[in-house]
Every structure is written in C-alpha cells, then in structure tokens.
Amino acid sequence: MAKSKDAEGNASEHKLKIRNVKLSDYDDICEIMESVYADIGGSWTKKELKSHLNYFPEGQICIEDNGKVIAAAFSLIVTYANYGDKHTYQQITGDGLLSNHDPEGDTLYGIDVFVHPEFRGMRLGRRLYDARKELCETLNLRAIIVGGRIPGYKKYAKKLTPRQYIDEVKKKEIFDPVLTFQLANDFHLRKIVQGYLPDDLDSKAYAALLEWKNALYEADEILFGGNKTLVRVGLVQWKMRNMASVDELYKMIEFFVDTVSGYKADFCVFPEFFNAPLMAKFNQNSASDAVRALADYTEEIRTKMTELAVSYNINIIAGSMPKYEDDGLYNVSYLCRRDGTWDYQYKLHVTPDEANYWGLQGGDKLKVFETDAGKIAILICFDIEFPELSRLLADKGVNIIFVPFLTDTKSAFIRVQRCAQARAIENECYVAISGSVGNLPGVENMDIQYAQSGIYSPSDFIFPHDATLAEATANTETTLIADLDLDLLKRQRKFGSVRNMETRRNDLYELRWLHKKDEDESH
C-alpha cells in the first residue's frame, strides 16, 4: 500500500476505494467543498446532494481513503441540443438540483470535480475523470462536456483576452490549476462562455467549455418502435344511455375504439364511470348497493378492453369503474396497453357526494406509467383540482395527464376544465379531459351529464393562442382527435417566455409525497 505522512509526521497507510456517493458522505463532501470553493459559494447543501442522488446516483462518484471521502465528481445526463453552447452553470444543473437530468439524453455533463487539499498530488482527479469516461462508454453516451473554470486568468486579464489566455495554457506557457488538468485528460476546447459562473471572480466569470468525445459511441439506428415525439390522442365524449346488457356496452366500447384507432391514434380515452348504465338493472337497490353490484363487472370489462387494446393496436385509458376490495369501494382507472399489459390508478380524492351516496374511499398511490408514447399519468375528475398531484407527476417527467371525468352541471364541469388548463400551464405539459353527456333517468345519483372534452397545453407562442389544442362540441356524443408534440414541451421548458419548472424557488419551498411508497407491478 502507498504511504504518506499524517499531521504529526507519522507514516500512514492509504486504502483507496472508488465508489458512488452516498448521502451519509455529506459531511466529508461539505468539508472539502467549503475549503476548495470558499470564495464562490462553498458546498452543496444536503438537500442538493440528496436531489443529485435521487436523479442520477450512478453519476455521483467519490474516492474514499480508509472510509473518509477525499475526492468526488458530480455529473448528469442531458440532451445537449436542448442547451447548446450558450448556457450557464445554474441552467445546466437545474439550479443545483439536477432536476433536468435526462436519462434519454446523449451527453454526460460534468458539473464538479474536487480533491481534498491534503490529498493533492496523488492524481485522484485523473481517477475520477477515468471513471467518468468509463461511465460515458458504459451508457453509450456521445461525449462528456464540462464547463471548466480558468482561475489563473485573474493574473493575466489586463494583458490577455480569455482566448489568448487559453491558447497560452494549451501551449504550456501558462499553468492553470483547472484548465491544464482538463486538457491533459484529452478534453478539447469547444467554446469560451461568458457569465457561466458570475461569482467566479478569479475566472472573471469566463469558462472554457470542453469536450471529450466517446470513440466507442454507437448511435442507435431505430427503424421502428422508437420513442415518439408526436402522440395522437383520441377522446371519447360518451353518451349515457340505457343499455340492456353488458354485451350492448361492449358494442359501444368497440365502436369507439375502432373509430379512434382508425385515425392511427396512440391513446383512446373513455370518461369516468362510463359503465354506469349497467346500474339501471339494480335501481331497486339503494345507491350504495347498486354501485357495488356494478363493481362486479369491472374485472370483466377491464379484460375486454385489454383485448381491444391489443387487437386494435391502441392504448386505452379505460375511463374509471368502481372496484370493491378488502371491504372498501374504490374508483379506479385502468391503462390497457397495446402490448397486452395493464395497470391502474385509484381516484385519490372522492367528492362529498361520492362518499355520502356510494361510500367511496380514496386510494393512496400516485403512479407514473411508462408507455410506448412516453411517461403518462391519470388523474380521475376531482383529482385534477389538487395542483400538488400534477406537480409531483411533472417532477417525475410526465408529459401527458389524462383526466376521465363525470360532471352533472356546467359549474362542476368548469371546475374540472379550468383546473386542467391551469395544470397544463403550471407544469408545462398536456392535459386531456374526457367526459360523458346525456342522462340516465333510471339510475339514482347519475341523472344528468354535462361535458365538453378538451386537450390543453402550456400558454406561449409555440402553442395555440388560448392554450387549447382541441375542444369537442359541448353535450354532444363525439370523438376528439389531436396530435400532441412532445418536442414543443422540451422547447417550452428550456426557452419559453417563462419557465415554471425551471424558475421554481426550490430554495424556499418543496413538495413531498408523505405516504409510504409501495411498489406495484404492472400486469
């Protein structure tokens, strides 16, 4: 083992280990950063480190010596074209939280490397850079990019431009403690950036944008089945009508699935409690007994809609249906994927009417669904009126929120519609709402319906002037088809007139899911 001198001059043995950072390493990391960056802000906060580990634990690397962290490197993955060469440190790090980490990106972006002053001279920085390169190759990323400080520039600023200074460093006429090291690790100058770190007085706020290209990178050649950037959605504005049997219900369901799939849509969305007409045969019972009898059909209908999803090659949001389990009645929406799998989302907030008439209870899990058209979520009717849910979903990368709803009056509908519009603007995502129309005079507590299904977007120049992609005619049975451009959402989040997700004051407040996380398997 290598040996060095400790503070008292005694020989001490090193035991180095390179590994991923853990939250318990914070005190060691804080100690180093407070020493190394005393003049430009000091250490990451514990909240920031926790966020780094949450978004990209593999990219946070450290070296320990006999159990104490003595050096570390931090990074994230980005789609570099979304930023280009004119960005700041705050922008590329998501204000220090790495909330903009993109697992589908093409570039490993190094945001920090530091070594404890007492352990310099051991080439620990090179080990960390080698580990980054190995990670870049393993993940098949195009390149590593870093925004390098040029702290030695302060001495030469009066006689050299930043370009001249960097050229002198490249020729080894000048030694820069950061740039010289990075150039020695096969990084090449891409661009000189001004204002990268405004508080970096030693570098005069300049930075050298440097790149290492992965020679082993293989671009994916996707012939079919790749990630979609244009998603076609079909909403069913369903008319409530008396139905004699479940077979009659199936005929109507298949008619609309056939119609929407005929437009090559990726999703077909039904409203909340679309199967309510089947309650008519139980109307002699109390409302609570009738809805529990309706729950007996739920598994059968879900199976049928999963079969339709496969046979018509379309993902189906199966509105919502009552489900009775463990002596509790719930309102559940099913996602029936076209690959034959399915999953579900319980309604979390039940209305006073649902609780009083039917005895419905709210669920306790908020799910993000992976589909062949990206990450989606389902919020059933009343749930869209609680902004916290949509924000939690947006933080997890959801681009489309589907809202099956059921409203009896225009005032009730307006609550759902306006909240859906607000959620789309707040979270820079698409929100699609699908409701039912008509009436069911033979079903208690389901008398009349009011709906105008629609799809809403963020509000900026690249979207429709009223932030509405499409709306159905109110109170008419119909379908609504529209294309949702996911690339526009990326542009909005990075270059919009205002950027809600990016500008949020994470230093002042935060949103957390309190319920114990339970992992549910998709079927």
Protein backbone atom coordinates (compact mmCIF):
# COMPACT_ATOMS: atom_id res chain seq x y z
CA MET A 1 0.00 0.00 0.00
CA ALA A 2 1.05 3.58 -0.56
CA LYS A 3 2.22 5.53 2.45
CA SER A 4 2.08 9.21 3.33
CA LYS A 5 2.77 11.42 6.33
CA ASP A 6 -0.05 12.35 8.69
CA ALA A 7 -0.30 15.71 10.50
CA GLU A 8 2.24 14.62 13.11
CA GLY A 9 4.72 13.30 10.55
CA ASN A 10 3.97 9.63 11.20
CA ALA A 11 3.75 7.21 8.31
CA SER A 12 0.15 6.26 7.48
CA GLU A 13 -1.20 3.73 5.01
CA HIS A 14 -3.77 4.58 2.36
CA LYS A 15 -6.67 2.35 1.44
CA LEU A 16 -8.34 3.98 -1.56
CA LYS A 17 -11.71 2.93 -2.91
CA ILE A 18 -13.68 4.47 -5.77
CA ARG A 19 -17.46 4.17 -5.50
CA ASN A 20 -20.74 6.04 -5.84
CA VAL A 21 -21.54 8.82 -3.39
CA LYS A 22 -23.98 8.15 -0.53
CA LEU A 23 -25.98 10.69 1.44
CA SER A 24 -24.01 9.71 4.54
CA ASP A 25 -20.91 11.14 2.80
CA TYR A 26 -22.29 14.65 3.06
CA ASP A 27 -20.14 15.85 5.97
CA ASP A 28 -16.93 14.76 4.22
CA ILE A 29 -18.01 16.35 0.93
CA CYS A 30 -19.08 19.55 2.67
CA GLU A 31 -15.68 19.81 4.38
CA ILE A 32 -13.83 19.58 1.05
CA MET A 33 -16.10 21.96 -0.84
CA GLU A 34 -16.05 24.59 1.90
CA SER A 35 -12.26 24.56 1.63
CA VAL A 36 -11.95 24.41 -2.16
CA TYR A 37 -14.79 26.80 -3.02
CA ALA A 38 -14.63 29.21 -0.10
CA ASP A 39 -14.69 32.19 -2.46
CA ILE A 40 -17.51 31.03 -4.79
CA GLY A 41 -20.32 29.75 -2.63
CA GLY A 42 -18.84 26.82 -0.75
CA SER A 43 -20.58 23.46 -0.52
CA TRP A 44 -23.68 21.91 -1.98
CA THR A 45 -26.47 21.78 0.59
CA LYS A 46 -27.59 18.42 1.91
CA LYS A 47 -30.87 18.92 0.08
CA GLU A 48 -28.98 19.39 -3.18
CA LEU A 49 -26.85 16.28 -2.62
CA LYS A 50 -30.00 14.28 -1.85
CA SER A 51 -31.52 15.54 -5.10
CA HIS A 52 -28.39 14.56 -7.07
CA LEU A 53 -28.58 11.04 -5.70
CA ASN A 54 -32.29 10.84 -6.39
CA TYR A 55 -31.99 11.83 -10.06
CA PHE A 56 -28.70 10.21 -11.06
CA PRO A 57 -26.94 8.18 -8.35
CA GLU A 58 -24.63 6.47 -10.87
CA GLY A 59 -23.18 9.81 -11.94
CA GLN A 60 -22.01 10.88 -8.47
CA ILE A 61 -18.60 9.30 -7.83
CA CYS A 62 -16.17 9.60 -4.95
CA ILE A 63 -12.87 8.25 -3.69
CA GLU A 64 -12.57 7.28 -0.05
CA ASP A 65 -9.41 6.68 1.93
CA ASN A 66 -9.88 4.43 4.95
CA GLY A 67 -13.58 5.23 4.94
CA LYS A 68 -13.29 9.03 4.57
CA VAL A 69 -14.25 10.72 1.29
CA ILE A 70 -11.27 12.69 -0.04
CA ALA A 71 -12.36 13.47 -3.63
CA ALA A 72 -15.57 13.49 -5.66
CA ALA A 73 -17.02 14.16 -9.10
CA PHE A 74 -20.63 15.05 -9.93
CA SER A 75 -22.44 14.80 -13.27
CA LEU A 76 -25.79 14.46 -15.02
CA ILE A 77 -27.05 13.43 -18.44
CA VAL A 78 -28.54 16.00 -20.81
CA THR A 79 -29.72 16.20 -24.38
CA TYR A 80 -27.10 18.75 -25.30
CA ALA A 81 -29.01 20.20 -28.25
CA ASN A 82 -31.59 21.49 -25.79
CA TYR A 83 -28.97 23.79 -24.26
CA GLY A 84 -26.35 24.49 -26.91
CA ASP A 85 -23.09 26.23 -26.05
CA LYS A 86 -24.68 29.35 -24.56
CA HIS A 87 -25.79 28.23 -21.13
CA THR A 88 -24.93 28.99 -17.53
CA TYR A 89 -23.94 26.72 -14.69
CA GLN A 90 -27.30 27.32 -12.99
CA GLN A 91 -29.20 26.33 -16.11
CA ILE A 92 -27.24 23.15 -16.79
CA THR A 93 -27.51 21.99 -13.16
CA GLY A 94 -31.23 22.69 -12.77
CA ASP A 95 -30.46 25.34 -10.15
CA GLY A 96 -28.20 22.89 -8.35
CA LEU A 97 -30.78 20.09 -8.02
CA LEU A 98 -30.17 18.16 -11.28
CA SER A 99 -33.93 18.13 -11.81
CA ASN A 100 -33.22 18.45 -15.54
CA HIS A 101 -31.35 15.12 -15.64
CA ASP A 102 -32.48 13.30 -18.79
CA PRO A 103 -31.88 9.51 -18.80
CA GLU A 104 -32.60 9.54 -22.55
CA GLY A 105 -30.02 12.26 -23.21
CA ASP A 106 -26.83 11.94 -25.27
CA THR A 107 -24.19 13.75 -23.20
CA LEU A 108 -22.63 13.26 -19.78
CA TYR A 109 -22.17 16.74 -18.34
CA GLY A 110 -19.59 17.09 -15.59
CA ILE A 111 -20.59 19.73 -13.07
CA ASP A 112 -17.92 19.34 -10.40
CA VAL A 113 -14.63 17.65 -9.51
CA PHE A 114 -12.76 18.39 -6.30
CA VAL A 115 -9.98 16.88 -4.18
CA HIS A 116 -9.23 17.46 -0.51
CA PRO A 117 -6.24 19.86 -0.32
CA GLU A 118 -4.32 17.44 1.90
CA PHE A 119 -4.51 14.70 -0.76
CA ARG A 120 -3.43 16.62 -3.84
CA GLY A 121 -0.52 15.17 -5.77
CA MET A 122 -2.00 11.66 -5.69
CA ARG A 123 -3.60 12.01 -9.16
CA LEU A 124 -7.06 11.45 -7.70
CA GLY A 125 -8.63 13.82 -10.21
CA ARG A 126 -7.38 11.61 -13.04
CA ARG A 127 -9.00 8.58 -11.44
CA LEU A 128 -12.31 10.42 -11.25
CA TYR A 129 -12.06 11.54 -14.87
CA ASP A 130 -11.26 7.98 -15.93
CA ALA A 131 -14.32 6.77 -14.01
CA ARG A 132 -16.45 9.36 -15.82
CA LYS A 133 -15.13 8.19 -19.18
CA GLU A 134 -15.92 4.59 -18.26
CA LEU A 135 -19.45 5.63 -17.27
CA CYS A 136 -19.86 7.53 -20.55
CA GLU A 137 -18.79 4.45 -22.52
CA THR A 138 -20.95 2.07 -20.48
CA LEU A 139 -24.04 4.23 -21.01
CA ASN A 140 -23.16 4.68 -24.70
CA LEU A 141 -23.25 8.47 -24.50
CA ARG A 142 -21.87 10.64 -27.27
CA ALA A 143 -19.48 12.74 -25.18
CA ILE A 144 -18.56 14.31 -21.86
CA ILE A 145 -18.80 18.09 -21.64
CA VAL A 146 -17.58 20.25 -18.76
CA GLY A 147 -17.64 23.96 -18.12
CA GLY A 148 -14.12 24.47 -16.80
CA ARG A 149 -13.13 27.39 -14.61
CA ILE A 150 -9.97 29.29 -15.56
CA PRO A 151 -8.98 30.60 -12.12
CA GLY A 152 -5.48 31.60 -13.25
CA TYR A 153 -6.93 34.15 -15.67
CA LYS A 154 -7.21 36.77 -12.94
CA LYS A 155 -3.45 37.41 -13.11
CA TYR A 156 -3.48 37.92 -16.88
CA ALA A 157 -6.85 39.62 -17.51
CA LYS A 158 -5.29 43.05 -18.14
CA LYS A 159 -2.99 41.85 -20.92
CA LEU A 160 -4.67 38.76 -22.40
CA THR A 161 -8.14 38.05 -23.71
CA PRO A 162 -9.71 34.79 -22.49
CA ARG A 163 -8.94 33.21 -25.88
CA GLN A 164 -5.29 34.28 -25.72
CA TYR A 165 -5.02 33.02 -22.15
CA ILE A 166 -6.41 29.61 -23.07
CA ASP A 167 -4.07 29.40 -26.07
CA GLU A 168 -1.10 30.08 -23.78
CA VAL A 169 -2.28 27.38 -21.40
CA LYS A 170 -2.62 24.94 -24.29
CA LYS A 171 0.96 25.75 -25.34
CA LYS A 172 2.01 25.19 -21.70
CA GLU A 173 3.34 28.72 -21.44
CA ILE A 174 0.93 29.29 -18.56
CA PHE A 175 -0.20 26.82 -15.91
CA ASP A 176 -3.87 26.94 -14.91
CA PRO A 177 -4.82 24.64 -11.98
CA VAL A 178 -8.09 23.59 -13.64
CA LEU A 179 -7.69 24.01 -17.39
CA THR A 180 -4.22 22.45 -17.56
CA PHE A 181 -5.55 19.35 -15.82
CA GLN A 182 -8.59 19.06 -18.10
CA LEU A 183 -6.55 19.45 -21.29
CA ALA A 184 -4.19 16.75 -20.04
CA ASN A 185 -7.20 14.42 -19.83
CA ASP A 186 -7.93 14.62 -23.57
CA PHE A 187 -10.56 17.34 -23.33
CA HIS A 188 -10.67 19.83 -26.20
CA LEU A 189 -11.93 23.40 -26.25
CA ARG A 190 -15.41 23.73 -27.66
CA LYS A 191 -16.24 27.34 -26.80
CA ILE A 192 -15.43 30.16 -24.38
CA VAL A 193 -18.50 31.08 -22.34
CA GLN A 194 -19.03 34.42 -20.63
CA GLY A 195 -21.18 34.67 -17.49
CA TYR A 196 -21.05 30.93 -16.85
CA LEU A 197 -20.39 31.39 -13.12
CA PRO A 198 -20.97 35.09 -12.34
CA ASP A 199 -19.44 34.76 -8.85
CA ASP A 200 -16.20 33.25 -10.14
CA LEU A 201 -14.05 36.37 -9.85
CA ASP A 202 -10.78 34.52 -10.41
CA SER A 203 -12.02 33.43 -13.83
CA LYS A 204 -13.64 36.81 -14.46
CA ALA A 205 -16.91 34.83 -14.91
CA TYR A 206 -15.48 33.11 -18.01
CA ALA A 207 -15.39 29.35 -18.51
CA ALA A 208 -13.83 27.04 -21.06
CA LEU A 209 -16.47 24.70 -22.44
CA LEU A 210 -14.54 21.47 -23.00
CA GLU A 211 -15.49 18.21 -24.67
CA TRP A 212 -14.27 14.60 -24.63
CA LYS A 213 -15.74 12.50 -27.42
CA ASN A 214 -16.55 8.86 -26.80
CA ALA A 215 -14.80 6.91 -29.57
CA LEU A 216 -16.90 3.84 -28.73
CA TYR A 217 -20.22 5.65 -29.12
CA GLU A 218 -22.69 3.90 -31.37
CA ALA A 219 -25.73 5.88 -32.42
CA ASP A 220 -28.91 3.86 -32.11
CA GLU A 221 -30.33 3.08 -35.51
CA ILE A 222 -34.03 2.83 -34.77
CA LEU A 223 -36.00 1.55 -37.72
CA PHE A 224 -39.30 1.31 -35.87
CA GLY A 225 -40.69 1.33 -32.33
CA GLY A 226 -38.58 4.26 -31.13
CA ASN A 227 -39.67 6.97 -28.70
CA LYS A 228 -42.47 9.02 -30.16
CA THR A 229 -42.24 12.79 -30.38
CA LEU A 230 -45.74 13.18 -31.85
CA VAL A 231 -48.52 11.47 -29.90
CA ARG A 232 -52.05 11.22 -31.32
CA VAL A 233 -54.81 11.18 -28.73
CA GLY A 234 -58.48 10.31 -29.22
CA LEU A 235 -61.03 11.33 -26.59
CA VAL A 236 -64.44 9.66 -26.41
CA GLN A 237 -67.22 12.03 -25.37
CA TRP A 238 -69.50 9.23 -24.29
CA LYS A 239 -73.29 9.47 -24.23
CA MET A 240 -75.02 7.90 -21.26
CA ARG A 241 -77.93 5.78 -22.49
CA ASN A 242 -79.94 2.85 -21.21
CA MET A 243 -78.31 -0.48 -22.05
CA ALA A 244 -79.99 -3.84 -21.72
CA SER A 245 -76.83 -5.89 -21.17
CA VAL A 246 -73.05 -5.83 -20.84
CA ASP A 247 -72.84 -7.06 -24.44
CA GLU A 248 -74.54 -3.86 -25.57
CA LEU A 249 -71.95 -1.91 -23.58
CA TYR A 250 -69.17 -3.86 -25.32
CA LYS A 251 -70.58 -2.99 -28.73
CA MET A 252 -70.43 0.73 -27.93
CA ILE A 253 -66.93 0.45 -26.47
CA GLU A 254 -65.64 -1.40 -29.53
CA PHE A 255 -67.32 1.06 -31.87
CA PHE A 256 -65.38 3.95 -30.37
CA VAL A 257 -62.10 2.02 -30.09
CA ASP A 258 -62.45 1.06 -33.75
CA THR A 259 -63.24 4.66 -34.72
CA VAL A 260 -60.35 6.23 -32.82
CA SER A 261 -57.83 3.57 -33.88
CA GLY A 262 -58.86 4.18 -37.47
CA TYR A 263 -57.14 7.58 -37.14
CA LYS A 264 -53.90 5.81 -36.07
CA ALA A 265 -54.21 7.24 -32.56
CA ASP A 266 -51.90 6.18 -29.75
CA PHE A 267 -54.50 6.59 -26.99
CA CYS A 268 -58.25 6.17 -26.75
CA VAL A 269 -59.68 7.78 -23.61
CA PHE A 270 -63.06 6.99 -22.02
CA PRO A 271 -64.80 9.04 -19.28
CA GLU A 272 -65.24 8.39 -15.59
CA PHE A 273 -67.94 5.80 -14.74
CA PHE A 274 -68.69 5.20 -18.44
CA ASN A 275 -70.26 1.83 -17.50
CA ALA A 276 -72.85 3.45 -15.20
CA PRO A 277 -75.79 2.47 -17.50
CA LEU A 278 -75.42 -1.10 -16.20
CA MET A 279 -76.61 0.13 -12.79
CA ALA A 280 -80.14 0.53 -14.13
CA LYS A 281 -80.86 -3.16 -13.52
CA PHE A 282 -80.03 -2.62 -9.83
CA ASN A 283 -82.01 0.58 -9.36
CA GLN A 284 -84.42 -1.17 -6.99
CA ASN A 285 -81.48 -1.34 -4.56
CA SER A 286 -80.02 1.54 -2.62
CA ALA A 287 -77.45 3.69 -4.43
CA SER A 288 -74.61 2.17 -2.40
CA ASP A 289 -75.75 -1.40 -3.16
CA ALA A 290 -76.25 -0.61 -6.86
CA VAL A 291 -72.71 0.73 -7.32
CA ARG A 292 -71.30 -2.33 -5.54
CA ALA A 293 -73.24 -4.54 -7.91
CA LEU A 294 -71.75 -2.54 -10.78
CA ALA A 295 -68.27 -3.31 -9.39
CA ASP A 296 -68.90 -7.00 -10.16
CA TYR A 297 -68.46 -6.15 -13.87
CA THR A 298 -65.16 -4.29 -13.50
CA GLU A 299 -62.68 -7.14 -13.97
CA GLU A 300 -64.63 -8.50 -16.93
CA ILE A 301 -64.75 -5.08 -18.63
CA ARG A 302 -61.07 -4.46 -17.95
CA THR A 303 -60.22 -7.82 -19.56
CA LYS A 304 -62.35 -6.95 -22.59
CA MET A 305 -60.71 -3.55 -23.01
CA THR A 306 -57.23 -5.06 -22.72
CA GLU A 307 -58.16 -7.44 -25.55
CA LEU A 308 -59.41 -4.50 -27.63
CA ALA A 309 -56.18 -2.58 -26.95
CA VAL A 310 -54.19 -5.45 -28.45
CA SER A 311 -56.48 -6.21 -31.38
CA TYR A 312 -56.84 -2.54 -32.40
CA ASN A 313 -53.20 -1.64 -31.60
CA ILE A 314 -54.05 1.29 -29.34
CA ASN A 315 -53.51 2.17 -25.69
CA ILE A 316 -56.84 2.56 -23.88
CA ILE A 317 -57.50 4.72 -20.83
CA ALA A 318 -60.50 2.76 -19.58
CA GLY A 319 -62.24 5.74 -18.01
CA SER A 320 -62.97 4.64 -14.48
CA MET A 321 -65.06 1.95 -12.81
CA PRO A 322 -65.96 1.01 -9.23
CA LYS A 323 -63.83 -1.68 -7.62
CA TYR A 324 -64.73 -3.43 -4.39
CA GLU A 325 -61.84 -4.94 -2.44
CA ASP A 326 -60.91 -5.56 1.19
CA ASP A 327 -64.33 -4.30 2.33
CA GLY A 328 -63.74 -0.99 0.61
CA LEU A 329 -65.17 0.60 -2.54
CA TYR A 330 -62.79 2.50 -4.81
CA ASN A 331 -62.95 4.36 -8.11
CA VAL A 332 -60.23 3.02 -10.41
CA SER A 333 -59.00 3.83 -13.91
CA TYR A 334 -57.20 1.21 -15.98
CA LEU A 335 -54.46 1.75 -18.52
CA CYS A 336 -54.75 -1.08 -21.05
CA ARG A 337 -51.59 -1.03 -23.16
CA ARG A 338 -51.49 -2.30 -26.72
CA ASP A 339 -48.73 -4.74 -25.79
CA GLY A 340 -51.21 -6.65 -23.61
CA THR A 341 -50.11 -5.32 -20.20
CA TRP A 342 -52.26 -3.22 -17.94
CA ASP A 343 -52.03 -1.05 -14.83
CA TYR A 344 -54.32 1.09 -12.72
CA GLN A 345 -54.72 4.39 -10.87
CA TYR A 346 -57.14 4.84 -7.98
CA LYS A 347 -59.01 8.10 -7.54
CA LEU A 348 -57.33 9.77 -4.57
CA HIS A 349 -59.91 12.44 -3.68
CA VAL A 350 -63.58 11.48 -3.57
CA THR A 351 -66.28 14.13 -3.61
CA PRO A 352 -68.72 14.51 -0.69
CA ASP A 353 -71.47 13.16 -2.95
CA GLU A 354 -69.47 10.02 -3.80
CA ALA A 355 -68.74 9.40 -0.15
CA ASN A 356 -72.29 10.05 1.07
CA TYR A 357 -74.28 8.21 -1.63
CA TRP A 358 -71.91 5.38 -2.53
CA GLY A 359 -69.40 5.12 0.32
CA LEU A 360 -66.40 5.53 -2.00
CA GLN A 361 -62.92 5.75 -0.48
CA GLY A 362 -59.80 7.40 -1.89
CA GLY A 363 -56.68 5.47 -2.89
CA ASP A 364 -53.18 6.24 -1.61
CA LYS A 365 -50.81 5.76 -4.57
CA LEU A 366 -49.90 8.19 -7.35
CA LYS A 367 -48.50 6.39 -10.38
CA VAL A 368 -46.38 7.29 -13.39
CA PHE A 369 -46.97 4.94 -16.32
CA GLU A 370 -44.36 4.03 -18.90
CA THR A 371 -45.89 3.66 -22.36
CA ASP A 372 -44.64 3.45 -25.95
CA ALA A 373 -45.51 7.16 -26.18
CA GLY A 374 -43.57 8.24 -23.10
CA LYS A 375 -44.49 8.84 -19.47
CA ILE A 376 -48.16 9.50 -18.75
CA ALA A 377 -50.41 9.73 -15.71
CA ILE A 378 -54.12 9.51 -14.92
CA LEU A 379 -55.98 11.79 -12.51
CA ILE A 380 -59.67 10.99 -12.14
CA CYS A 381 -62.00 14.00 -12.21
CA PHE A 382 -61.76 15.71 -8.76
CA ASP A 383 -58.06 14.84 -8.51
CA ILE A 384 -57.18 17.41 -11.19
CA GLU A 385 -58.43 20.12 -8.82
CA PHE A 386 -55.47 19.47 -6.48
CA PRO A 387 -52.37 21.10 -8.03
CA GLU A 388 -49.95 19.16 -5.82
CA LEU A 389 -50.64 15.89 -7.67
CA SER A 390 -49.86 17.29 -11.12
CA ARG A 391 -46.69 18.94 -9.86
CA LEU A 392 -45.45 15.67 -8.35
CA LEU A 393 -46.13 13.95 -11.66
CA ALA A 394 -44.38 16.66 -13.68
CA ASP A 395 -41.35 16.36 -11.41
CA LYS A 396 -41.19 12.69 -12.44
CA GLY A 397 -41.15 13.52 -16.14
CA VAL A 398 -44.82 13.09 -17.08
CA ASN A 399 -45.71 14.82 -20.36
CA ILE A 400 -49.41 13.94 -20.65
CA ILE A 401 -52.02 13.79 -17.89
CA PHE A 402 -55.30 12.10 -18.80
CA VAL A 403 -58.42 13.09 -16.85
CA PRO A 404 -61.56 10.92 -17.18
CA PHE A 405 -64.35 12.97 -15.58
CA LEU A 406 -68.04 12.94 -14.79
CA THR A 407 -69.89 16.19 -14.06
CA ASP A 408 -73.59 16.89 -13.84
CA THR A 409 -73.73 20.69 -14.14
CA LYS A 410 -71.82 23.36 -16.01
CA SER A 411 -70.42 24.78 -12.78
CA ALA A 412 -68.99 21.35 -11.88
CA PHE A 413 -67.55 20.99 -15.38
CA ILE A 414 -65.95 24.45 -15.21
CA ARG A 415 -64.06 23.41 -12.08
CA VAL A 416 -62.55 20.43 -13.90
CA GLN A 417 -61.87 22.32 -17.13
CA ARG A 418 -60.27 25.41 -15.62
CA CYS A 419 -58.13 23.35 -13.25
CA ALA A 420 -56.98 21.16 -16.15
CA GLN A 421 -55.97 24.28 -18.06
CA ALA A 422 -54.10 25.60 -15.04
CA ARG A 423 -52.26 22.30 -14.53
CA ALA A 424 -51.10 22.33 -18.17
CA ILE A 425 -49.73 25.86 -17.84
CA GLU A 426 -48.19 25.37 -14.39
CA ASN A 427 -46.40 22.16 -15.27
CA GLU A 428 -45.63 22.75 -18.95
CA CYS A 429 -47.41 19.57 -20.01
CA TYR A 430 -50.52 18.44 -21.87
CA VAL A 431 -53.77 17.67 -20.04
CA ALA A 432 -56.58 15.80 -21.82
CA ILE A 433 -60.04 15.58 -20.25
CA SER A 434 -62.76 13.19 -21.39
CA GLY A 435 -66.34 13.37 -20.09
CA SER A 436 -69.81 11.96 -20.68
CA VAL A 437 -73.05 13.59 -21.83
CA GLY A 438 -76.73 12.64 -21.88
CA ASN A 439 -78.82 11.33 -18.99
CA LEU A 440 -79.75 8.17 -17.11
CA PRO A 441 -83.24 8.67 -15.67
CA GLY A 442 -83.29 5.09 -14.38
CA VAL A 443 -80.12 5.34 -12.29
CA GLU A 444 -80.09 7.11 -8.94
CA ASN A 445 -77.31 9.69 -8.47
CA MET A 446 -76.46 9.56 -12.22
CA ASP A 447 -79.34 11.65 -13.55
CA ILE A 448 -77.79 14.21 -15.94
CA GLN A 449 -74.38 14.84 -17.51
CA TYR A 450 -72.57 17.95 -18.75
CA ALA A 451 -69.27 17.79 -20.63
CA GLN A 452 -67.04 19.42 -23.19
CA SER A 453 -63.95 17.25 -23.62
CA GLY A 454 -60.70 19.00 -24.49
CA ILE A 455 -56.92 18.96 -24.66
CA TYR A 456 -54.93 21.79 -23.09
CA SER A 457 -51.35 22.95 -23.48
CA PRO A 458 -48.90 25.42 -21.93
CA SER A 459 -49.50 29.05 -22.87
CA ASP A 460 -46.75 30.52 -25.04
CA PHE A 461 -46.00 31.46 -28.66
CA ILE A 462 -45.40 27.90 -29.85
CA PHE A 463 -48.84 26.73 -28.65
CA PRO A 464 -52.37 27.81 -29.63
CA HIS A 465 -53.16 31.37 -28.54
CA ASP A 466 -55.74 30.20 -25.99
CA ALA A 467 -53.65 27.23 -24.78
CA THR A 468 -56.33 24.86 -26.10
CA LEU A 469 -55.26 22.28 -28.67
CA ALA A 470 -58.78 20.98 -29.30
CA GLU A 471 -62.27 21.02 -27.79
CA ALA A 472 -65.35 18.96 -28.54
CA THR A 473 -68.79 20.40 -29.03
CA ALA A 474 -70.44 20.58 -25.62
CA ASN A 475 -73.02 17.94 -24.68
CA THR A 476 -72.77 16.01 -27.96
CA GLU A 477 -71.67 12.42 -28.38
CA THR A 478 -68.47 12.54 -30.43
CA THR A 479 -64.75 11.84 -30.57
CA LEU A 480 -61.94 14.39 -30.43
CA ILE A 481 -58.63 13.65 -32.16
CA ALA A 482 -55.47 15.76 -31.75
CA ASP A 483 -51.69 15.46 -32.09
CA LEU A 484 -49.51 16.32 -29.08
CA ASP A 485 -45.97 17.40 -29.97
CA LEU A 486 -43.65 16.37 -27.12
CA ASP A 487 -40.69 18.26 -28.62
CA LEU A 488 -42.63 21.50 -28.11
CA LEU A 489 -42.76 20.74 -24.38
CA LYS A 490 -38.96 20.42 -24.32
CA ARG A 491 -38.58 23.75 -26.11
CA GLN A 492 -41.03 25.40 -23.74
CA ARG A 493 -39.19 24.18 -20.65
CA LYS A 494 -35.84 25.46 -21.91
CA PHE A 495 -36.66 28.51 -24.00
CA GLY A 496 -40.20 29.62 -23.11
CA SER A 497 -41.10 33.22 -22.30
CA VAL A 498 -41.47 31.99 -18.73
CA ARG A 499 -40.30 28.59 -17.45
CA ASN A 500 -42.28 27.50 -14.43
CA MET A 501 -40.42 24.28 -13.70
CA GLU A 502 -37.00 25.88 -14.09
CA THR A 503 -37.79 29.06 -12.17
CA ARG A 504 -39.48 27.46 -9.17
CA ARG A 505 -37.89 28.63 -5.90
CA ASN A 506 -36.66 25.30 -4.55
CA ASP A 507 -34.63 27.24 -2.01
CA LEU A 508 -37.85 28.48 -0.38
CA TYR A 509 -40.29 25.57 -0.53
CA GLU A 510 -40.67 21.95 -1.56
CA LEU A 511 -43.38 19.38 -2.26
CA ARG A 512 -43.13 15.84 -0.86
CA TRP A 513 -45.21 12.67 -1.05
CA LEU A 514 -45.72 11.60 2.56
CA HIS A 515 -47.35 8.22 2.16
CA LYS A 516 -45.03 5.24 2.32
CA LYS A 517 -44.04 4.29 -1.19
CA ASP A 518 -45.35 0.93 -2.30
CA GLU A 519 -44.05 -0.63 -5.48
CA ASP A 520 -46.80 -2.05 -7.66
CA GLU A 521 -46.09 -4.34 -10.58
CA SER A 522 -47.67 -3.75 -13.95
CA HIS A 523 -49.66 -6.63 -15.36
